[in-house]
Amino acid sequence: MFYVVAKGISLKKEYRRSLWILLGLVFSCGGDALLNINLFPFGMISFGVAHVFYISAFGWKPVKWLIGSVLFVAVSLFVYFVHKNLDEILIIGVPIYCYLITTMLWRSLARAVDSRNFLTIFCAIGAILFVISDALIAVTMFVGVPLPFARLQIMITYYAAQFAIALSTADDGAALQRSLRQKIK
C-alpha cells in the first residue's frame, strides 16, 4: 500500500488511476476493520465504495458489452439464488454490492482482454480473485456451505487480489516518462 500511496499523492492526470486505486485500498481497509468488529452491512458499504473507486480507475473504454452481459447474467442468477437467505438490510445491500463488484470485474476484464500489458492482465487477475474471495464469503455466510479452511481461503484470495490491483499501478506515468525522454533526445 505504501507504493500506491507514494504514487497516489501526485494529483497529476497521469497518476489519476493510482489515486483511484489508493482510495479503493483505503476503503477496503475500512471494510476490513468494520467486518472485524462484526459490522457486516457497514463493511459491505465500505467495500462497495472501494469498488466504485476501482471502477473509476479501470475506466469505461473499451466497453466490451459481451463480457459485461455474460457477467451480469451470471451475477443475476447468483443474486436470485441467495436472495431468499438474506434478511433485513442485506436484502437490498447484497444485490447492490454484487452488481458493483461485477462491474469492477467487467471493467478490469474489458481493459485486459486486448491488452499486451502484463500489469493490466495482472489487475484483471486481481479482480477475479476479489470476486472469488467474496463468493466464498457468500457461500459460507448466506448459503451455509461449510468450506474447509474457509477463512484461510477467503483471506488468501482477498489479499492476493488487493496486491494484484495495487501492483497494476506500476506502469502509471510510463507514457509521460517516455515522452520526456523523447523530448530530451
Protein backbone atom coordinates (compact mmCIF):
# COMPACT_ATOMS: atom_id res chain seq x y z
CA MET A 1 0.00 0.00 0.00
CA PHE A 2 2.96 2.31 0.64
CA TYR A 3 3.88 2.12 -3.04
CA VAL A 4 0.39 3.16 -4.14
CA VAL A 5 0.34 5.93 -1.50
CA ALA A 6 3.58 7.32 -2.88
CA LYS A 7 2.18 7.30 -6.41
CA GLY A 8 -1.34 8.35 -5.46
CA ILE A 9 -0.22 11.50 -3.69
CA SER A 10 0.55 13.10 -7.05
CA LEU A 11 -2.56 14.75 -8.42
CA LYS A 12 -1.19 14.91 -11.97
CA LYS A 13 -3.53 13.47 -14.57
CA GLU A 14 -1.18 10.62 -15.48
CA TYR A 15 -1.33 9.36 -11.88
CA ARG A 16 -5.11 9.64 -11.51
CA ARG A 17 -5.57 5.86 -11.82
CA SER A 18 -3.14 5.36 -8.94
CA LEU A 19 -5.14 7.80 -6.83
CA TRP A 20 -8.42 5.94 -7.52
CA ILE A 21 -6.77 2.63 -6.63
CA LEU A 22 -5.29 4.16 -3.48
CA LEU A 23 -8.77 5.32 -2.43
CA GLY A 24 -10.11 1.85 -3.22
CA LEU A 25 -7.46 0.33 -0.96
CA VAL A 26 -8.27 2.81 1.82
CA PHE A 27 -11.97 1.97 1.71
CA SER A 28 -11.09 -1.74 1.59
CA CYS A 29 -9.07 -1.27 4.79
CA GLY A 30 -12.12 0.41 6.31
CA GLY A 31 -14.23 -2.54 5.20
CA ASP A 32 -11.76 -4.95 6.81
CA ALA A 33 -11.94 -3.05 10.09
CA LEU A 34 -15.75 -2.97 10.06
CA LEU A 35 -16.00 -6.68 9.28
CA ASN A 36 -13.60 -7.47 12.12
CA ILE A 37 -15.91 -5.77 14.64
CA ASN A 38 -18.98 -7.59 13.27
CA LEU A 39 -20.47 -4.64 11.39
CA PHE A 40 -21.05 -6.57 8.17
CA PRO A 41 -23.52 -4.17 6.49
CA PHE A 42 -21.18 -1.21 7.05
CA GLY A 43 -18.18 -3.24 5.90
CA MET A 44 -20.10 -4.14 2.76
CA ILE A 45 -20.83 -0.44 2.14
CA SER A 46 -17.15 0.41 2.58
CA PHE A 47 -16.14 -2.30 0.12
CA GLY A 48 -18.85 -1.08 -2.26
CA VAL A 49 -17.28 2.39 -2.21
CA ALA A 50 -13.88 0.75 -2.82
CA HIS A 51 -15.30 -0.92 -5.93
CA VAL A 52 -16.62 2.43 -7.18
CA PHE A 53 -13.06 3.77 -6.95
CA TYR A 54 -11.68 0.68 -8.69
CA ILE A 55 -14.29 1.07 -11.45
CA SER A 56 -13.18 4.70 -11.84
CA ALA A 57 -9.56 3.57 -12.07
CA PHE A 58 -10.29 0.92 -14.69
CA GLY A 59 -12.37 3.28 -16.84
CA TRP A 60 -15.08 2.66 -19.41
CA LYS A 61 -13.04 2.12 -22.56
CA PRO A 62 -13.10 -0.31 -24.19
CA VAL A 63 -16.66 -1.18 -23.23
CA LYS A 64 -16.79 -4.88 -24.25
CA TRP A 65 -20.56 -5.33 -23.90
CA LEU A 66 -20.41 -9.11 -24.34
CA ILE A 67 -18.18 -9.54 -21.29
CA GLY A 68 -20.44 -7.29 -19.24
CA SER A 69 -23.59 -9.08 -20.40
CA VAL A 70 -22.28 -12.53 -19.52
CA LEU A 71 -21.11 -11.34 -16.09
CA PHE A 72 -24.40 -9.59 -15.31
CA VAL A 73 -26.46 -12.64 -16.28
CA ALA A 74 -24.25 -14.76 -14.00
CA VAL A 75 -24.50 -12.35 -11.05
CA SER A 76 -28.25 -12.01 -11.53
CA LEU A 77 -28.62 -15.79 -11.22
CA PHE A 78 -26.39 -15.76 -8.14
CA VAL A 79 -28.43 -12.97 -6.53
CA TYR A 80 -31.65 -14.82 -7.35
CA PHE A 81 -30.44 -17.95 -5.53
CA VAL A 82 -29.01 -16.25 -2.43
CA HIS A 83 -31.75 -13.64 -2.10
CA LYS A 84 -34.04 -15.99 -0.15
CA ASN A 85 -31.34 -16.42 2.51
CA LEU A 86 -30.98 -12.68 3.17
CA ASP A 87 -32.72 -10.63 5.80
CA GLU A 88 -33.12 -7.01 6.84
CA ILE A 89 -30.80 -4.56 5.12
CA LEU A 90 -28.89 -7.34 3.37
CA ILE A 91 -31.87 -7.93 1.07
CA ILE A 92 -31.07 -4.57 -0.52
CA GLY A 93 -27.33 -4.31 0.18
CA VAL A 94 -26.12 -7.68 -1.10
CA PRO A 95 -27.60 -7.31 -4.62
CA ILE A 96 -26.23 -3.76 -4.91
CA TYR A 97 -22.81 -4.93 -3.74
CA CYS A 98 -22.90 -7.90 -6.14
CA TYR A 99 -23.58 -5.61 -9.09
CA LEU A 100 -20.81 -3.22 -8.01
CA ILE A 101 -18.18 -5.94 -7.73
CA THR A 102 -19.37 -7.42 -11.03
CA THR A 103 -18.98 -4.02 -12.68
CA MET A 104 -15.47 -3.79 -11.24
CA LEU A 105 -14.67 -7.24 -12.68
CA TRP A 106 -16.18 -6.32 -16.06
CA ARG A 107 -14.14 -3.11 -16.32
CA SER A 108 -10.89 -4.86 -15.42
CA LEU A 109 -11.53 -7.70 -17.88
CA ALA A 110 -12.53 -5.25 -20.63
CA ARG A 111 -9.18 -3.49 -20.22
CA ALA A 112 -7.21 -6.72 -20.14
CA VAL A 113 -8.80 -8.72 -22.95
CA ASP A 114 -6.97 -6.96 -25.79
CA SER A 115 -4.00 -5.79 -23.75
CA ARG A 116 -0.44 -6.92 -24.10
CA ASN A 117 0.44 -5.14 -20.88
CA PHE A 118 1.19 -7.68 -18.17
CA LEU A 119 0.13 -5.30 -15.39
CA THR A 120 -3.32 -4.80 -16.94
CA ILE A 121 -3.74 -8.57 -17.10
CA PHE A 122 -2.46 -8.85 -13.53
CA CYS A 123 -5.11 -6.32 -12.48
CA ALA A 124 -7.82 -8.46 -14.09
CA ILE A 125 -6.50 -11.48 -12.20
CA GLY A 126 -6.78 -9.39 -9.02
CA ALA A 127 -10.39 -8.56 -9.84
CA ILE A 128 -11.16 -12.25 -10.45
CA LEU A 129 -9.57 -13.16 -7.11
CA PHE A 130 -11.61 -10.46 -5.37
CA VAL A 131 -14.81 -11.95 -6.78
CA ILE A 132 -13.71 -15.44 -5.72
CA SER A 133 -12.99 -14.19 -2.19
CA ASP A 134 -16.40 -12.56 -1.92
CA ALA A 135 -18.11 -15.60 -3.45
CA LEU A 136 -16.51 -17.75 -0.74
CA ILE A 137 -17.91 -15.37 1.88
CA ALA A 138 -21.36 -15.54 0.28
CA VAL A 139 -21.36 -19.33 0.04
CA THR A 140 -20.38 -19.77 3.69
CA MET A 141 -22.47 -16.92 5.09
CA PHE A 142 -25.64 -16.91 3.02
CA VAL A 143 -25.88 -20.40 1.56
CA GLY A 144 -24.46 -22.18 4.60
CA VAL A 145 -21.99 -24.39 2.77
CA PRO A 146 -19.14 -25.31 5.12
CA LEU A 147 -15.80 -24.97 3.39
CA PRO A 148 -12.61 -26.43 4.82
CA PHE A 149 -10.33 -23.64 5.97
CA ALA A 150 -12.87 -21.09 4.68
CA ARG A 151 -11.27 -18.11 6.42
CA LEU A 152 -7.84 -19.03 5.05
CA GLN A 153 -9.22 -19.42 1.52
CA ILE A 154 -11.04 -16.09 1.78
CA MET A 155 -8.04 -14.19 3.12
CA ILE A 156 -5.53 -15.65 0.65
CA THR A 157 -7.69 -14.79 -2.36
CA TYR A 158 -8.58 -11.37 -0.92
CA TYR A 159 -5.01 -10.24 -0.18
CA ALA A 160 -3.73 -11.65 -3.47
CA ALA A 161 -6.49 -9.65 -5.19
CA GLN A 162 -5.58 -6.42 -3.45
CA PHE A 163 -1.88 -6.99 -4.16
CA ALA A 164 -2.55 -7.56 -7.87
CA ILE A 165 -4.77 -4.49 -8.16
CA ALA A 166 -2.23 -2.33 -6.30
CA LEU A 167 0.65 -3.66 -8.39
CA SER A 168 -1.20 -2.73 -11.58
CA THR A 169 -0.35 0.92 -10.87
CA ALA A 170 3.34 0.22 -11.54
CA ASP A 171 3.02 1.46 -15.13
CA ASP A 172 1.15 4.70 -14.39
CA GLY A 173 3.13 7.63 -15.67
CA ALA A 174 5.21 5.48 -18.03
CA ALA A 175 3.88 7.34 -21.08
CA LEU A 176 4.89 10.66 -19.52
CA GLN A 177 8.39 9.36 -18.83
CA ARG A 178 8.73 8.10 -22.43
CA SER A 179 7.52 11.45 -23.71
CA LEU A 180 10.07 13.33 -21.58
CA ARG A 181 12.88 11.04 -22.73
CA GLN A 182 11.97 11.64 -26.38
CA LYS A 183 11.99 15.42 -25.84
CA ILE A 184 15.45 15.23 -24.26
CA LYS A 185 16.92 13.29 -27.21
